C-alpha atoms as a PDB file:
ATOM      1  CA  MET A   1     321.629 -88.821 -66.003  1.00  0.00           C
ATOM      2  CA  PRO A   2     324.608 -89.474 -68.243  1.00  0.00           C
ATOM      3  CA  ALA A   3     326.739 -92.434 -67.151  1.00  0.00           C
ATOM      4  CA  ARG A   4     329.799 -90.189 -66.850  1.00  0.00           C
ATOM      5  CA  LEU A   5     328.029 -87.930 -64.347  1.00  0.00           C
ATOM      6  CA  GLN A   6     326.411 -90.701 -62.281  1.00  0.00           C
ATOM      7  CA  PRO A   7     329.523 -91.601 -60.211  1.00  0.00           C
ATOM      8  CA  TYR A   8     329.840 -88.029 -58.932  1.00  0.00           C
ATOM      9  CA  PHE A   9     326.171 -87.961 -57.957  1.00  0.00           C
ATOM     10  CA  GLU A  10     326.495 -91.307 -56.184  1.00  0.00           C
ATOM     11  CA  GLN A  11     329.695 -90.171 -54.446  1.00  0.00           C
ATOM     12  CA  GLU A  12     327.826 -87.245 -52.891  1.00  0.00           C
ATOM     13  CA  LEU A  13     325.041 -89.541 -51.718  1.00  0.00           C
ATOM     14  CA  ARG A  14     327.553 -91.954 -50.167  1.00  0.00           C
ATOM     15  CA  ALA A  15     329.275 -89.056 -48.389  1.00  0.00           C
ATOM     16  CA  TYR A  16     325.849 -87.874 -47.183  1.00  0.00           C
ATOM     17  CA  ARG A  17     325.050 -91.279 -45.704  1.00  0.00           C
ATOM     18  CA  ALA A  18     328.483 -91.576 -44.054  1.00  0.00           C
ATOM     19  CA  ALA A  19     328.165 -88.154 -42.405  1.00  0.00           C
ATOM     20  CA  LEU A  20     324.575 -88.860 -41.360  1.00  0.00           C
ATOM     21  CA  GLU A  21     325.635 -92.103 -39.667  1.00  0.00           C
ATOM     22  CA  LYS A  22     328.109 -90.052 -37.599  1.00  0.00           C
ATOM     23  CA  ASN A  23     325.450 -87.424 -36.811  1.00  0.00           C
ATOM     24  CA  GLN A  24     327.499 -84.842 -38.713  1.00  0.00           C
ATOM     25  CA  PHE A  25     324.381 -83.078 -39.882  1.00  0.00           C
ATOM     26  CA  SER A  26     325.915 -79.979 -41.460  1.00  0.00           C
ATOM     27  CA  ILE A  27     328.359 -82.101 -43.475  1.00  0.00           C
ATOM     28  CA  ALA A  28     325.573 -84.503 -44.471  1.00  0.00           C
ATOM     29  CA  TRP A  29     323.394 -81.595 -45.602  1.00  0.00           C
ATOM     30  CA  ARG A  30     326.195 -80.088 -47.682  1.00  0.00           C
ATOM     31  CA  HIS A  31     326.553 -83.381 -49.562  1.00  0.00           C
ATOM     32  CA  LEU A  32     322.802 -83.432 -50.239  1.00  0.00           C
ATOM     33  CA  GLU A  33     323.036 -79.892 -51.614  1.00  0.00           C
ATOM     34  CA  ARG A  34     325.925 -80.929 -53.879  1.00  0.00           C
ATOM     35  CA  ALA A  35     323.977 -83.998 -55.054  1.00  0.00           C
ATOM     36  CA  HIS A  36     321.052 -81.690 -55.793  1.00  0.00           C
ATOM     37  CA  ILE A  37     323.177 -79.398 -57.944  1.00  0.00           C
ATOM     38  CA  ILE A  38     324.669 -82.343 -59.842  1.00  0.00           C
ATOM     39  CA  GLY A  39     321.334 -84.100 -60.319  1.00  0.00           C
ATOM     40  CA  GLN A  40     318.856 -81.270 -60.717  1.00  0.00           C
ATOM     41  CA  ALA A  41     318.741 -81.421 -64.514  1.00  0.00           C
ATOM     42  CA  TYR A  42     317.565 -85.052 -64.402  1.00  0.00           C
ATOM     43  CA  PRO A  43     314.011 -85.812 -63.173  1.00  0.00           C
ATOM     44  CA  TRP A  44     314.681 -89.017 -61.234  1.00  0.00           C
ATOM     45  CA  GLU A  45     317.858 -87.799 -59.525  1.00  0.00           C
ATOM     46  CA  HIS A  46     316.339 -84.387 -58.782  1.00  0.00           C
ATOM     47  CA  SER A  47     313.272 -85.927 -57.154  1.00  0.00           C
ATOM     48  CA  TYR A  48     315.375 -88.484 -55.291  1.00  0.00           C
ATOM     49  CA  VAL A  49     317.494 -85.777 -53.634  1.00  0.00           C
ATOM     50  CA  HIS A  50     314.370 -83.872 -52.572  1.00  0.00           C
ATOM     51  CA  TRP A  51     313.058 -87.132 -51.095  1.00  0.00           C
ATOM     52  CA  LYS A  52     316.312 -87.465 -49.128  1.00  0.00           C
ATOM     53  CA  MET A  53     316.060 -83.811 -48.063  1.00  0.00           C
ATOM     54  CA  LEU A  54     312.515 -84.398 -46.816  1.00  0.00           C
ATOM     55  CA  PHE A  55     313.650 -87.316 -44.671  1.00  0.00           C
ATOM     56  CA  PHE A  56     316.662 -85.331 -43.475  1.00  0.00           C
ATOM     57  CA  GLY A  57     314.253 -82.617 -42.332  1.00  0.00           C
ATOM     58  CA  ILE A  58     312.257 -85.233 -40.453  1.00  0.00           C
ATOM     59  CA  ARG A  59     315.437 -86.668 -38.915  1.00  0.00           C
ATOM     60  CA  ILE A  60     316.587 -83.302 -37.574  1.00  0.00           C
ATOM     61  CA  LYS A  61     313.020 -82.303 -36.649  1.00  0.00           C
ATOM     62  CA  SER A  62     312.980 -79.243 -38.900  1.00  0.00           C
ATOM     63  CA  THR A  63     309.401 -78.284 -39.655  1.00  0.00           C
ATOM     64  CA  LYS A  64     310.658 -75.606 -42.069  1.00  0.00           C
ATOM     65  CA  GLU A  65     312.635 -78.158 -44.093  1.00  0.00           C
ATOM     66  CA  VAL A  66     309.854 -80.727 -44.151  1.00  0.00           C
ATOM     67  CA  ILE A  67     307.253 -78.171 -45.276  1.00  0.00           C
ATOM     68  CA  GLY A  68     309.726 -76.672 -47.760  1.00  0.00           C
ATOM     69  CA  GLN A  69     310.547 -80.017 -49.325  1.00  0.00           C
ATOM     70  CA  ILE A  70     306.978 -81.092 -50.058  1.00  0.00           C
ATOM     71  CA  PRO A  71     306.361 -78.699 -52.991  1.00  0.00           C
ATOM     72  CA  ARG A  72     309.945 -79.191 -54.212  1.00  0.00           C
ATOM     73  CA  LEU A  73     309.405 -82.933 -54.216  1.00  0.00           C
ATOM     74  CA  LEU A  74     306.137 -82.563 -56.114  1.00  0.00           C
ATOM     75  CA  VAL A  75     307.417 -80.258 -58.881  1.00  0.00           C
ATOM     76  CA  GLY A  76     311.210 -80.632 -58.953  1.00  0.00           C
ATOM     77  CA  GLY A  77     311.265 -83.621 -61.287  1.00  0.00           C
ATOM     78  CA  VAL A  78     308.696 -82.038 -63.587  1.00  0.00           C
ATOM     79  CA  LYS A  79     310.793 -78.882 -63.870  1.00  0.00           C
ATOM     80  CA  SER A  80     313.813 -81.034 -64.729  1.00  0.00           C
ATOM     81  CA  PHE A  81     311.794 -82.879 -67.359  1.00  0.00           C
ATOM     82  CA  VAL A  82     310.790 -79.646 -69.095  1.00  0.00           C
ATOM     83  CA  GLY A  83     314.248 -78.087 -68.675  1.00  0.00           C
ATOM     84  CA  LYS A  84     313.210 -75.231 -66.382  1.00  0.00           C
ATOM     85  CA  ILE A  85     315.527 -75.567 -63.391  1.00  0.00           C
ATOM     86  CA  PRO A  86     317.136 -72.774 -61.358  1.00  0.00           C
ATOM     87  CA  VAL A  87     320.745 -73.683 -62.161  1.00  0.00           C
ATOM     88  CA  GLY A  88     322.934 -74.055 -59.092  1.00  0.00           C
ATOM     89  CA  ASN A  89     320.049 -73.949 -56.621  1.00  0.00           C
ATOM     90  CA  THR A  90     320.987 -76.082 -53.615  1.00  0.00           C
ATOM     91  CA  GLY A  91     317.442 -77.394 -53.080  1.00  0.00           C
ATOM     92  CA  GLY A  92     316.893 -76.675 -49.397  1.00  0.00           C
ATOM     93  CA  ALA A  93     314.088 -74.724 -47.788  1.00  0.00           C
ATOM     94  CA  ASN A  94     316.702 -72.124 -46.808  1.00  0.00           C
ATOM     95  CA  VAL A  95     316.835 -70.809 -50.406  1.00  0.00           C
ATOM     96  CA  PRO A  96     314.017 -69.656 -52.701  1.00  0.00           C
ATOM     97  CA  PRO A  97     313.052 -72.617 -54.906  1.00  0.00           C
ATOM     98  CA  LEU A  98     313.339 -70.719 -58.196  1.00  0.00           C
ATOM     99  CA  LYS A  99     316.524 -68.776 -57.466  1.00  0.00           C
ATOM    100  CA  PRO A 100     319.589 -69.683 -59.559  1.00  0.00           C
ATOM    101  CA  LEU A 101     322.793 -69.745 -57.518  1.00  0.00           C
ATOM    102  CA  PRO A 102     326.487 -69.768 -58.384  1.00  0.00           C
ATOM    103  CA  ILE A 103     327.972 -73.238 -58.773  1.00  0.00           C
ATOM    104  CA  ASP A 104     331.146 -74.106 -56.863  1.00  0.00           C
ATOM    105  CA  LYS A 105     334.220 -74.375 -59.044  1.00  0.00           C
ATOM    106  CA  ASP A 106     334.785 -78.055 -58.217  1.00  0.00           C
ATOM    107  CA  ILE A 107     331.247 -78.948 -59.295  1.00  0.00           C
ATOM    108  CA  LEU A 108     331.716 -77.015 -62.542  1.00  0.00           C
ATOM    109  CA  GLU A 109     334.850 -79.115 -63.078  1.00  0.00           C
ATOM    110  CA  ILE A 110     332.771 -82.266 -62.531  1.00  0.00           C
ATOM    111  CA  PHE A 111     330.364 -81.130 -65.250  1.00  0.00           C
ATOM    112  CA  THR A 112     333.299 -80.461 -67.564  1.00  0.00           C
ATOM    113  CA  LYS A 113     334.876 -83.880 -66.898  1.00  0.00           C
ATOM    114  CA  ALA A 114     331.537 -85.590 -67.414  1.00  0.00           C
ATOM    115  CA  GLY A 115     330.867 -83.707 -70.637  1.00  0.00           C
ATOM    116  CA  SER A 116     327.652 -82.210 -69.251  1.00  0.00           C
ATOM    117  CA  HIS A 117     326.370 -79.177 -71.143  1.00  0.00           C
ATOM    118  CA  ASN A 118     323.497 -78.388 -68.798  1.00  0.00           C
ATOM    119  CA  TYR A 119     325.426 -75.595 -67.140  1.00  0.00           C
ATOM    120  CA  GLY A 120     327.364 -74.139 -70.009  1.00  0.00           C
ATOM    121  CA  SER A 121     330.469 -76.064 -69.107  1.00  0.00           C
END
């Protein structure tokens, strides 16, 4: 992950942890989804977010999320490595794993500020 993009990724993970500590599960999840979008083009970051999503699923006792995260965890980083990601996909078991999704305007602005060209910004 480019150094200019890393702080935004880390900011989402910090916000995730803060919300999780307060048992604000929907807010925590949203920050994981945002971290996924920011990091999905980079193998380590992509896999790391799926790892966090797996443990989130365990924490909230969601069998669907746990089962959904296992294949994503196994192949997500590989897909990043070969450049075959579904751009904008939020990474949860609630969306098809190969479906591209629109990216929120503020995240597109992050990519622009960071000079990322992975999303045509």
